[in-house]
């Protein structure tokens, strides 16, 4: 669990599923994340179970971001693992030396513009480095995702190559400062 001034970041709970629908069914928020998936809209626990599997497999994954003042679920921020050879989701074990941790974020559009993503991403980046010992961290951002690009800039990230994600087209690899 990570606490910031306004936020509580914790491992997801299955009980988060109904609140997560605000993100998972938000076509604007999901546009650059592969779109709204019918499976997830019909069974939001499917997404939460997938987040928990990533924690189980890698010792890291998406945190649920909860506003401390009222306990409202806002979105997710966390560390995902990719295999750089194929740009598919992976585990540290399966990708070996080609494992690339990504700091990713997603909030329902109703929560944009309040600084929550910046606050949460900074906290998770510090956690990833101190608690998990992760060195190189990237964020994969679709070229059309102006809001995430601006967040990456606020986080001090530098844009690099453009890669092709296995399921979501071209993304720029933004490298986080050490």
N, C-alpha and C. Protein backbone atom coordinates (compact mmCIF):
# COMPACT_ATOMS: atom_id res chain seq x y z
N UNK A 1 0.84 -1.18 0.00
CA UNK A 1 0.00 0.00 0.00
C UNK A 1 0.89 1.24 0.00
N UNK A 2 0.49 2.21 -0.79
CA UNK A 2 1.21 3.48 -0.88
C UNK A 2 0.22 4.59 -0.57
N UNK A 3 0.64 5.53 0.28
CA UNK A 3 -0.21 6.69 0.58
C UNK A 3 0.48 7.94 0.09
N UNK A 4 -0.30 8.81 -0.55
CA UNK A 4 0.18 10.13 -0.94
C UNK A 4 -0.70 11.15 -0.21
N UNK A 5 -0.49 12.40 -0.51
CA UNK A 5 -1.27 13.44 0.16
C UNK A 5 -2.78 13.23 0.01
N UNK A 6 -3.22 12.89 -1.20
CA UNK A 6 -4.66 12.77 -1.47
C UNK A 6 -5.12 11.36 -1.79
N UNK A 7 -4.18 10.44 -2.02
CA UNK A 7 -4.53 9.15 -2.58
C UNK A 7 -4.05 7.98 -1.74
N UNK A 8 -4.76 6.88 -1.89
CA UNK A 8 -4.35 5.59 -1.36
C UNK A 8 -4.21 4.66 -2.56
N UNK A 9 -3.04 4.07 -2.72
CA UNK A 9 -2.80 3.13 -3.81
C UNK A 9 -2.61 1.76 -3.17
N UNK A 10 -3.45 0.83 -3.59
CA UNK A 10 -3.41 -0.50 -3.00
C UNK A 10 -3.63 -1.55 -4.07
N UNK A 11 -3.24 -2.77 -3.73
CA UNK A 11 -3.49 -3.90 -4.61
C UNK A 11 -5.00 -3.99 -4.85
N UNK A 12 -5.42 -4.25 -6.09
CA UNK A 12 -6.86 -4.32 -6.37
C UNK A 12 -7.56 -5.41 -5.56
N UNK A 13 -8.84 -5.17 -5.33
CA UNK A 13 -9.72 -6.14 -4.70
C UNK A 13 -10.83 -6.47 -5.68
N UNK A 14 -11.36 -7.68 -5.63
CA UNK A 14 -12.48 -8.02 -6.51
C UNK A 14 -13.65 -7.06 -6.31
N UNK A 15 -13.77 -6.53 -5.10
CA UNK A 15 -14.85 -5.57 -4.81
C UNK A 15 -14.68 -4.27 -5.60
N UNK A 16 -13.50 -4.03 -6.19
CA UNK A 16 -13.27 -2.82 -7.00
C UNK A 16 -13.98 -2.91 -8.36
N UNK A 17 -14.43 -4.08 -8.73
CA UNK A 17 -14.92 -4.30 -10.09
C UNK A 17 -16.05 -3.35 -10.49
N UNK A 18 -17.04 -3.18 -9.64
CA UNK A 18 -18.16 -2.30 -10.01
C UNK A 18 -17.71 -0.86 -10.16
N UNK A 19 -16.85 -0.39 -9.25
CA UNK A 19 -16.34 0.98 -9.35
C UNK A 19 -15.47 1.14 -10.59
N UNK A 20 -14.73 0.09 -10.94
CA UNK A 20 -13.84 0.15 -12.11
C UNK A 20 -14.60 0.26 -13.42
N UNK A 21 -15.88 -0.07 -13.41
CA UNK A 21 -16.68 0.08 -14.63
C UNK A 21 -16.66 1.51 -15.16
N UNK A 22 -16.52 2.50 -14.25
CA UNK A 22 -16.46 3.89 -14.69
C UNK A 22 -15.29 4.12 -15.64
N UNK A 23 -14.20 3.39 -15.44
CA UNK A 23 -13.05 3.45 -16.35
C UNK A 23 -13.24 2.48 -17.51
N UNK A 24 -13.55 1.25 -17.21
CA UNK A 24 -13.55 0.18 -18.20
C UNK A 24 -14.60 0.36 -19.30
N UNK A 25 -15.64 1.12 -19.01
CA UNK A 25 -16.68 1.36 -20.02
C UNK A 25 -16.67 2.80 -20.53
N UNK A 26 -15.64 3.56 -20.19
CA UNK A 26 -15.51 4.95 -20.63
C UNK A 26 -14.82 4.96 -21.99
N UNK A 27 -15.55 5.20 -23.09
CA UNK A 27 -14.94 5.11 -24.42
C UNK A 27 -13.82 6.12 -24.63
N UNK A 28 -13.89 7.27 -23.99
CA UNK A 28 -12.83 8.28 -24.14
C UNK A 28 -11.56 7.80 -23.43
N UNK A 29 -11.70 7.33 -22.20
CA UNK A 29 -10.54 6.86 -21.43
C UNK A 29 -9.92 5.61 -22.05
N UNK A 30 -10.75 4.73 -22.60
CA UNK A 30 -10.27 3.46 -23.13
C UNK A 30 -9.80 3.54 -24.58
N UNK A 31 -10.01 4.66 -25.23
CA UNK A 31 -9.68 4.80 -26.65
C UNK A 31 -8.24 4.39 -26.96
N UNK A 32 -7.29 4.85 -26.17
CA UNK A 32 -5.88 4.54 -26.43
C UNK A 32 -5.41 3.30 -25.69
N UNK A 33 -6.34 2.60 -25.03
CA UNK A 33 -5.99 1.38 -24.31
C UNK A 33 -6.61 0.15 -24.95
N UNK A 34 -6.97 0.28 -26.20
CA UNK A 34 -7.55 -0.85 -26.92
C UNK A 34 -9.05 -0.82 -27.01
N UNK A 35 -9.69 0.21 -26.46
CA UNK A 35 -11.14 0.34 -26.55
C UNK A 35 -11.85 -0.40 -25.44
N UNK A 36 -13.15 -0.21 -25.38
CA UNK A 36 -13.98 -0.90 -24.39
C UNK A 36 -14.16 -2.34 -24.86
N UNK A 37 -13.80 -3.27 -24.00
CA UNK A 37 -13.91 -4.70 -24.33
C UNK A 37 -15.24 -5.24 -23.83
N UNK A 38 -16.02 -5.90 -24.69
CA UNK A 38 -17.33 -6.43 -24.27
C UNK A 38 -17.24 -7.38 -23.08
N UNK A 39 -16.18 -8.20 -23.00
CA UNK A 39 -16.02 -9.13 -21.88
C UNK A 39 -15.93 -8.37 -20.56
N UNK A 40 -15.18 -7.29 -20.57
CA UNK A 40 -14.97 -6.51 -19.36
C UNK A 40 -16.23 -5.78 -18.96
N UNK A 41 -16.95 -5.22 -19.93
CA UNK A 41 -18.19 -4.50 -19.62
C UNK A 41 -19.23 -5.46 -19.02
N UNK A 42 -19.27 -6.69 -19.53
CA UNK A 42 -20.23 -7.68 -19.04
C UNK A 42 -19.79 -8.27 -17.70
N UNK A 43 -18.48 -8.37 -17.50
CA UNK A 43 -17.94 -8.99 -16.28
C UNK A 43 -16.73 -8.19 -15.82
N UNK A 44 -16.95 -7.09 -15.09
CA UNK A 44 -15.82 -6.25 -14.69
C UNK A 44 -14.83 -6.97 -13.78
N UNK A 45 -15.27 -8.04 -13.12
CA UNK A 45 -14.32 -8.82 -12.31
C UNK A 45 -13.24 -9.46 -13.17
N UNK A 46 -13.54 -9.67 -14.46
CA UNK A 46 -12.55 -10.22 -15.40
C UNK A 46 -11.30 -9.35 -15.41
N UNK A 47 -11.47 -8.04 -15.52
CA UNK A 47 -10.32 -7.12 -15.55
C UNK A 47 -9.58 -7.14 -14.22
N UNK A 48 -10.31 -7.11 -13.13
CA UNK A 48 -9.66 -7.09 -11.82
C UNK A 48 -8.90 -8.39 -11.59
N UNK A 49 -9.47 -9.51 -12.01
CA UNK A 49 -8.75 -10.79 -11.88
C UNK A 49 -7.46 -10.77 -12.69
N UNK A 50 -7.50 -10.17 -13.87
CA UNK A 50 -6.30 -10.05 -14.71
C UNK A 50 -5.25 -9.19 -14.01
N UNK A 51 -5.68 -8.09 -13.40
CA UNK A 51 -4.73 -7.25 -12.65
C UNK A 51 -4.10 -8.04 -11.52
N UNK A 52 -4.90 -8.82 -10.80
CA UNK A 52 -4.38 -9.62 -9.69
C UNK A 52 -3.42 -10.70 -10.17
N UNK A 53 -3.70 -11.28 -11.34
CA UNK A 53 -2.78 -12.28 -11.92
C UNK A 53 -1.42 -11.66 -12.19
N UNK A 54 -1.41 -10.43 -12.66
CA UNK A 54 -0.12 -9.76 -12.91
C UNK A 54 0.65 -9.58 -11.61
N UNK A 55 -0.03 -9.25 -10.53
CA UNK A 55 0.62 -9.15 -9.23
C UNK A 55 1.20 -10.50 -8.82
N UNK A 56 0.41 -11.54 -9.01
CA UNK A 56 0.84 -12.89 -8.64
C UNK A 56 2.07 -13.33 -9.45
N UNK A 57 2.04 -13.05 -10.74
CA UNK A 57 3.11 -13.48 -11.63
C UNK A 57 4.40 -12.68 -11.48
N UNK A 58 4.29 -11.39 -11.17
CA UNK A 58 5.46 -10.51 -11.22
C UNK A 58 5.81 -9.81 -9.92
N UNK A 59 4.96 -9.92 -8.91
CA UNK A 59 5.21 -9.17 -7.68
C UNK A 59 4.95 -7.69 -7.85
N UNK A 60 4.29 -7.33 -8.94
CA UNK A 60 3.88 -5.96 -9.21
C UNK A 60 2.75 -6.02 -10.22
N UNK A 61 2.05 -4.91 -10.33
CA UNK A 61 0.92 -4.84 -11.24
C UNK A 61 0.21 -3.52 -11.03
N UNK A 62 -1.01 -3.41 -11.52
CA UNK A 62 -1.76 -2.17 -11.34
C UNK A 62 -2.23 -2.01 -9.89
N UNK A 63 -2.03 -0.83 -9.35
CA UNK A 63 -2.62 -0.46 -8.07
C UNK A 63 -4.00 0.15 -8.34
N UNK A 64 -4.95 -0.11 -7.46
CA UNK A 64 -6.19 0.66 -7.47
C UNK A 64 -5.89 1.99 -6.82
N UNK A 65 -6.34 3.07 -7.44
CA UNK A 65 -6.13 4.41 -6.90
C UNK A 65 -7.45 4.86 -6.29
N UNK A 66 -7.40 5.15 -4.99
CA UNK A 66 -8.59 5.52 -4.22
C UNK A 66 -8.34 6.89 -3.60
N UNK A 67 -9.33 7.77 -3.72
CA UNK A 67 -9.23 9.09 -3.10
C UNK A 67 -9.42 8.93 -1.60
N UNK A 68 -8.45 9.45 -0.83
CA UNK A 68 -8.47 9.27 0.62
C UNK A 68 -9.66 9.94 1.29
N UNK A 69 -10.06 11.10 0.81
CA UNK A 69 -11.10 11.86 1.51
C UNK A 69 -12.46 11.17 1.53
N UNK A 70 -12.76 10.39 0.48
CA UNK A 70 -14.08 9.76 0.42
C UNK A 70 -14.06 8.29 0.00
N UNK A 71 -12.87 7.71 -0.22
CA UNK A 71 -12.78 6.31 -0.59
C UNK A 71 -13.21 5.99 -2.01
N UNK A 72 -13.37 7.00 -2.85
CA UNK A 72 -13.82 6.79 -4.23
C UNK A 72 -12.71 6.19 -5.08
N UNK A 73 -13.03 5.14 -5.83
CA UNK A 73 -12.10 4.50 -6.76
C UNK A 73 -11.97 5.41 -7.97
N UNK A 74 -10.72 5.79 -8.35
CA UNK A 74 -10.49 6.75 -9.43
C UNK A 74 -9.91 6.12 -10.68
N UNK A 75 -9.10 5.08 -10.53
CA UNK A 75 -8.43 4.49 -11.68
C UNK A 75 -7.37 3.51 -11.23
N UNK A 76 -6.43 3.29 -12.15
CA UNK A 76 -5.33 2.37 -11.82
C UNK A 76 -4.01 2.96 -12.30
N UNK A 77 -2.96 2.70 -11.54
CA UNK A 77 -1.60 3.08 -11.90
C UNK A 77 -0.71 1.95 -11.41
N UNK A 78 0.21 1.50 -12.25
CA UNK A 78 1.07 0.43 -11.79
C UNK A 78 2.11 0.02 -12.81
N UNK A 79 2.76 -1.09 -12.50
CA UNK A 79 3.85 -1.60 -13.31
C UNK A 79 3.37 -2.86 -14.03
N UNK A 80 3.44 -2.81 -15.35
CA UNK A 80 3.14 -3.96 -16.21
C UNK A 80 4.44 -4.44 -16.81
N UNK A 81 4.50 -5.68 -17.21
CA UNK A 81 5.72 -6.25 -17.79
C UNK A 81 5.44 -6.65 -19.23
N UNK A 82 6.34 -6.24 -20.11
CA UNK A 82 6.25 -6.54 -21.54
C UNK A 82 7.47 -7.34 -21.96
N UNK A 83 7.32 -8.14 -23.00
CA UNK A 83 8.45 -8.80 -23.66
C UNK A 83 8.83 -7.92 -24.84
N UNK A 84 10.02 -7.33 -24.78
CA UNK A 84 10.45 -6.40 -25.83
C UNK A 84 10.57 -7.03 -27.22
N UNK A 85 10.70 -8.34 -27.28
CA UNK A 85 10.83 -8.99 -28.59
C UNK A 85 9.53 -8.95 -29.37
N UNK A 86 8.42 -9.02 -28.65
CA UNK A 86 7.12 -9.11 -29.31
C UNK A 86 6.15 -8.01 -28.88
N UNK A 87 6.53 -7.24 -27.86
CA UNK A 87 5.66 -6.24 -27.25
C UNK A 87 4.30 -6.84 -26.90
N UNK A 88 4.39 -7.99 -26.21
CA UNK A 88 3.22 -8.64 -25.64
C UNK A 88 3.40 -8.65 -24.12
N UNK A 89 2.27 -8.77 -23.39
CA UNK A 89 2.34 -8.87 -21.93
C UNK A 89 3.12 -10.12 -21.57
N UNK A 90 3.92 -10.02 -20.51
CA UNK A 90 4.79 -11.13 -20.14
C UNK A 90 4.97 -11.15 -18.63
N UNK A 91 5.78 -12.10 -18.19
CA UNK A 91 6.25 -12.13 -16.81
C UNK A 91 7.75 -11.91 -16.85
N UNK A 92 8.30 -11.52 -15.72
CA UNK A 92 9.76 -11.38 -15.65
C UNK A 92 10.42 -12.70 -15.99
N UNK A 93 9.83 -13.81 -15.50
CA UNK A 93 10.41 -15.13 -15.74
C UNK A 93 10.35 -15.53 -17.21
N UNK A 94 9.21 -15.30 -17.87
CA UNK A 94 9.07 -15.75 -19.26
C UNK A 94 9.87 -14.88 -20.23
N UNK A 95 10.00 -13.59 -19.95
CA UNK A 95 10.71 -12.70 -20.87
C UNK A 95 12.20 -12.63 -20.56
N UNK A 96 12.60 -13.01 -19.37
CA UNK A 96 14.02 -13.00 -19.01
C UNK A 96 14.66 -11.64 -19.24
N UNK A 97 15.77 -11.64 -19.97
CA UNK A 97 16.50 -10.39 -20.22
C UNK A 97 15.72 -9.42 -21.10
N UNK A 98 14.64 -9.88 -21.72
CA UNK A 98 13.83 -9.01 -22.59
C UNK A 98 12.60 -8.43 -21.86
N UNK A 99 12.54 -8.65 -20.55
CA UNK A 99 11.44 -8.10 -19.76
C UNK A 99 11.62 -6.59 -19.64
N UNK A 100 10.56 -5.86 -19.97
CA UNK A 100 10.59 -4.40 -19.86
C UNK A 100 9.41 -3.94 -19.00
N UNK A 101 9.71 -3.44 -17.78
CA UNK A 101 8.63 -2.91 -16.94
C UNK A 101 8.13 -1.57 -17.48
N UNK A 102 6.81 -1.43 -17.45
CA UNK A 102 6.17 -0.19 -17.89
C UNK A 102 5.37 0.40 -16.74
N UNK A 103 5.52 1.69 -16.52
CA UNK A 103 4.68 2.42 -15.60
C UNK A 103 3.49 2.94 -16.41
N UNK A 104 2.31 2.40 -16.11
CA UNK A 104 1.11 2.76 -16.87
C UNK A 104 0.04 3.33 -15.95
N UNK A 105 -0.88 4.08 -16.55
CA UNK A 105 -1.96 4.70 -15.78
C UNK A 105 -3.22 4.76 -16.62
N UNK A 106 -4.35 4.76 -15.95
CA UNK A 106 -5.65 4.92 -16.61
C UNK A 106 -6.66 5.37 -15.56
N UNK A 107 -7.35 6.45 -15.89
CA UNK A 107 -8.38 7.01 -15.03
C UNK A 107 -9.62 7.27 -15.86
N UNK A 108 -10.80 7.09 -15.26
CA UNK A 108 -12.03 7.48 -15.94
C UNK A 108 -11.95 8.97 -16.24
N UNK A 109 -12.46 9.39 -17.38
CA UNK A 109 -12.31 10.78 -17.82
C UNK A 109 -12.90 11.78 -16.83
N UNK A 110 -13.85 11.38 -16.03
CA UNK A 110 -14.42 12.30 -15.04
C UNK A 110 -13.39 12.71 -13.98
N UNK A 111 -12.29 11.97 -13.87
CA UNK A 111 -11.26 12.27 -12.87
C UNK A 111 -10.02 12.93 -13.48
N UNK A 112 -10.07 13.27 -14.75
CA UNK A 112 -8.94 13.93 -15.40
C UNK A 112 -8.86 15.39 -14.96
N UNK A 113 -7.65 15.94 -15.00
CA UNK A 113 -7.46 17.36 -14.74
C UNK A 113 -7.34 17.74 -13.28
N UNK A 114 -7.20 16.76 -12.39
CA UNK A 114 -7.08 17.05 -10.96
C UNK A 114 -5.68 16.73 -10.42
N UNK A 115 -4.79 16.25 -11.28
CA UNK A 115 -3.44 15.91 -10.84
C UNK A 115 -3.31 14.54 -10.20
N UNK A 116 -4.39 13.75 -10.20
CA UNK A 116 -4.33 12.43 -9.58
C UNK A 116 -3.32 11.51 -10.27
N UNK A 117 -3.30 11.54 -11.60
CA UNK A 117 -2.40 10.65 -12.34
C UNK A 117 -0.94 11.00 -12.05
N UNK A 118 -0.62 12.27 -12.00
CA UNK A 118 0.75 12.69 -11.71
C UNK A 118 1.15 12.25 -10.31
N UNK A 119 0.29 12.51 -9.35
CA UNK A 119 0.57 12.16 -7.95
C UNK A 119 0.77 10.65 -7.80
N UNK A 120 -0.11 9.88 -8.41
CA UNK A 120 -0.03 8.42 -8.30
C UNK A 120 1.18 7.87 -9.05
N UNK A 121 1.44 8.37 -10.25
CA UNK A 121 2.56 7.86 -11.04
C UNK A 121 3.90 8.13 -10.35
N UNK A 122 4.06 9.31 -9.78
CA UNK A 122 5.30 9.61 -9.05
C UNK A 122 5.49 8.64 -7.88
N UNK A 123 4.41 8.38 -7.15
CA UNK A 123 4.49 7.47 -6.01
C UNK A 123 4.81 6.05 -6.44
N UNK A 124 4.18 5.58 -7.51
CA UNK A 124 4.43 4.21 -7.97
C UNK A 124 5.84 4.09 -8.55
N UNK A 125 6.30 5.12 -9.23
CA UNK A 125 7.67 5.08 -9.77
C UNK A 125 8.68 4.95 -8.63
N UNK A 126 8.49 5.72 -7.57
CA UNK A 126 9.39 5.63 -6.41
C UNK A 126 9.30 4.24 -5.79
N UNK A 127 8.10 3.70 -5.65
CA UNK A 127 7.91 2.36 -5.11
C UNK A 127 8.60 1.31 -6.00
N UNK A 128 8.44 1.43 -7.32
CA UNK A 128 9.03 0.46 -8.25
C UNK A 128 10.55 0.42 -8.10
N UNK A 129 11.13 1.57 -7.87
CA UNK A 129 12.58 1.65 -7.74
C UNK A 129 13.04 1.18 -6.35
N UNK A 130 12.37 1.65 -5.31
CA UNK A 130 12.84 1.35 -3.95
C UNK A 130 12.41 -0.04 -3.48
N UNK A 131 11.16 -0.41 -3.68
CA UNK A 131 10.66 -1.69 -3.16
C UNK A 131 10.93 -2.85 -4.11
N UNK A 132 10.92 -2.60 -5.41
CA UNK A 132 11.09 -3.69 -6.39
C UNK A 132 12.47 -3.67 -7.06
N UNK A 133 13.23 -2.60 -6.89
CA UNK A 133 14.57 -2.53 -7.47
C UNK A 133 14.59 -2.45 -8.98
N UNK A 134 13.52 -1.89 -9.58
CA UNK A 134 13.46 -1.80 -11.03
C UNK A 134 14.29 -0.61 -11.52
N UNK A 135 15.10 -0.85 -12.52
CA UNK A 135 15.95 0.20 -13.09
C UNK A 135 15.22 0.96 -14.17
N UNK A 136 15.36 0.48 -15.40
CA UNK A 136 14.75 1.18 -16.54
C UNK A 136 13.24 0.99 -16.51
N UNK A 137 12.54 2.10 -16.47
CA UNK A 137 11.08 2.11 -16.55
C UNK A 137 10.68 2.91 -17.76
N UNK A 138 9.67 2.42 -18.47
CA UNK A 138 9.14 3.14 -19.63
C UNK A 138 7.64 3.31 -19.45
N UNK A 139 7.08 4.19 -20.26
CA UNK A 139 5.64 4.30 -20.43
C UNK A 139 5.39 4.24 -21.93
N UNK A 140 4.46 3.39 -22.34
CA UNK A 140 4.13 3.21 -23.75
C UNK A 140 2.89 4.04 -24.04
N UNK A 141 3.03 5.03 -24.93
CA UNK A 141 1.95 5.99 -25.14
C UNK A 141 1.64 6.11 -26.63
N UNK A 142 0.36 5.94 -26.97
CA UNK A 142 -0.08 6.11 -28.35
C UNK A 142 0.19 7.55 -28.78
N UNK A 143 0.68 7.75 -30.00
CA UNK A 143 1.00 9.12 -30.46
C UNK A 143 -0.18 10.09 -30.34
N UNK A 144 -1.40 9.61 -30.47
CA UNK A 144 -2.57 10.49 -30.40
C UNK A 144 -2.99 10.82 -28.96
N UNK A 145 -2.38 10.18 -27.97
CA UNK A 145 -2.76 10.36 -26.58
C UNK A 145 -2.02 11.56 -25.98
N UNK A 146 -2.53 12.74 -26.29
CA UNK A 146 -1.88 13.99 -25.88
C UNK A 146 -1.82 14.12 -24.37
N UNK A 147 -2.87 13.75 -23.67
CA UNK A 147 -2.90 13.90 -22.21
C UNK A 147 -1.82 13.04 -21.55
N UNK A 148 -1.66 11.79 -21.98
CA UNK A 148 -0.62 10.94 -21.40
C UNK A 148 0.77 11.42 -21.79
N UNK A 149 0.90 11.93 -22.99
CA UNK A 149 2.19 12.49 -23.41
C UNK A 149 2.58 13.66 -22.49
N UNK A 150 1.62 14.52 -22.19
CA UNK A 150 1.90 15.65 -21.29
C UNK A 150 2.26 15.17 -19.89
N UNK A 151 1.59 14.13 -19.44
CA UNK A 151 1.92 13.57 -18.13
C UNK A 151 3.34 13.01 -18.14
N UNK A 152 3.70 12.30 -19.18
CA UNK A 152 5.06 11.77 -19.28
C UNK A 152 6.09 12.91 -19.24
N UNK A 153 5.79 13.99 -19.91
CA UNK A 153 6.70 15.15 -19.87
C UNK A 153 6.80 15.71 -18.45
N UNK A 154 5.66 15.81 -17.73
CA UNK A 154 5.69 16.30 -16.34
C UNK A 154 6.51 15.37 -15.45
N UNK A 155 6.52 14.10 -15.78
CA UNK A 155 7.28 13.11 -15.01
C UNK A 155 8.76 13.10 -15.38
N UNK A 156 9.14 13.93 -16.36
CA UNK A 156 10.54 14.01 -16.77
C UNK A 156 10.96 12.94 -17.75
N UNK A 157 10.01 12.28 -18.39
CA UNK A 157 10.31 11.21 -19.35
C UNK A 157 10.79 11.79 -20.67
N UNK A 158 11.55 10.98 -21.39
CA UNK A 158 12.05 11.34 -22.72
C UNK A 158 11.47 10.38 -23.75
N UNK A 159 10.94 10.92 -24.87
CA UNK A 159 10.40 10.04 -25.91
C UNK A 159 11.52 9.36 -26.68
N UNK A 160 11.26 8.14 -27.11
CA UNK A 160 12.23 7.39 -27.89
C UNK A 160 11.58 6.78 -29.11
N UNK A 161 11.91 5.53 -29.35
CA UNK A 161 11.44 4.86 -30.55
C UNK A 161 9.93 4.62 -30.51
N UNK A 162 9.36 4.41 -31.69
CA UNK A 162 7.96 4.00 -31.80
C UNK A 162 7.95 2.51 -32.09
N UNK A 163 7.18 1.79 -31.29
CA UNK A 163 7.06 0.34 -31.43
C UNK A 163 5.62 -0.01 -31.78
N UNK A 164 5.40 -1.24 -32.19
CA UNK A 164 4.07 -1.72 -32.54
C UNK A 164 3.62 -2.69 -31.44
N UNK A 165 2.62 -2.28 -30.66
CA UNK A 165 2.08 -3.19 -29.64
C UNK A 165 1.29 -4.29 -30.33
N UNK A 166 1.34 -5.47 -29.77
CA UNK A 166 0.71 -6.63 -30.39
C UNK A 166 -0.78 -6.44 -30.62
N UNK A 167 -1.44 -5.63 -29.79
CA UNK A 167 -2.90 -5.53 -29.89
C UNK A 167 -3.43 -4.10 -30.00
N UNK A 168 -2.51 -3.13 -30.12
CA UNK A 168 -2.99 -1.76 -30.02
C UNK A 168 -2.21 -0.76 -30.87
N UNK A 169 -1.52 -1.22 -31.89
CA UNK A 169 -0.88 -0.31 -32.84
C UNK A 169 0.36 0.39 -32.32
N UNK A 170 0.76 1.47 -33.00
CA UNK A 170 2.01 2.16 -32.66
C UNK A 170 1.93 2.89 -31.32
N UNK A 171 3.02 2.80 -30.57
CA UNK A 171 3.18 3.49 -29.30
C UNK A 171 4.62 4.01 -29.20
N UNK A 172 4.75 5.17 -28.61
CA UNK A 172 6.08 5.74 -28.37
C UNK A 172 6.57 5.24 -27.00
N UNK A 173 7.84 4.86 -26.96
CA UNK A 173 8.46 4.40 -25.71
C UNK A 173 9.04 5.64 -25.01
N UNK A 174 8.43 6.03 -23.92
CA UNK A 174 8.90 7.15 -23.10
C UNK A 174 9.71 6.58 -21.95
N UNK A 175 10.96 6.99 -21.79
CA UNK A 175 11.83 6.48 -20.74
C UNK A 175 11.83 7.43 -19.54
N UNK A 176 11.63 6.84 -18.37
CA UNK A 176 11.60 7.62 -17.13
C UNK A 176 13.02 7.93 -16.67
N UNK A 177 13.21 9.10 -16.05
CA UNK A 177 14.54 9.42 -15.51
C UNK A 177 14.87 8.49 -14.35
N UNK A 178 16.15 8.28 -14.13
CA UNK A 178 16.59 7.41 -13.02
C UNK A 178 16.75 8.20 -11.76
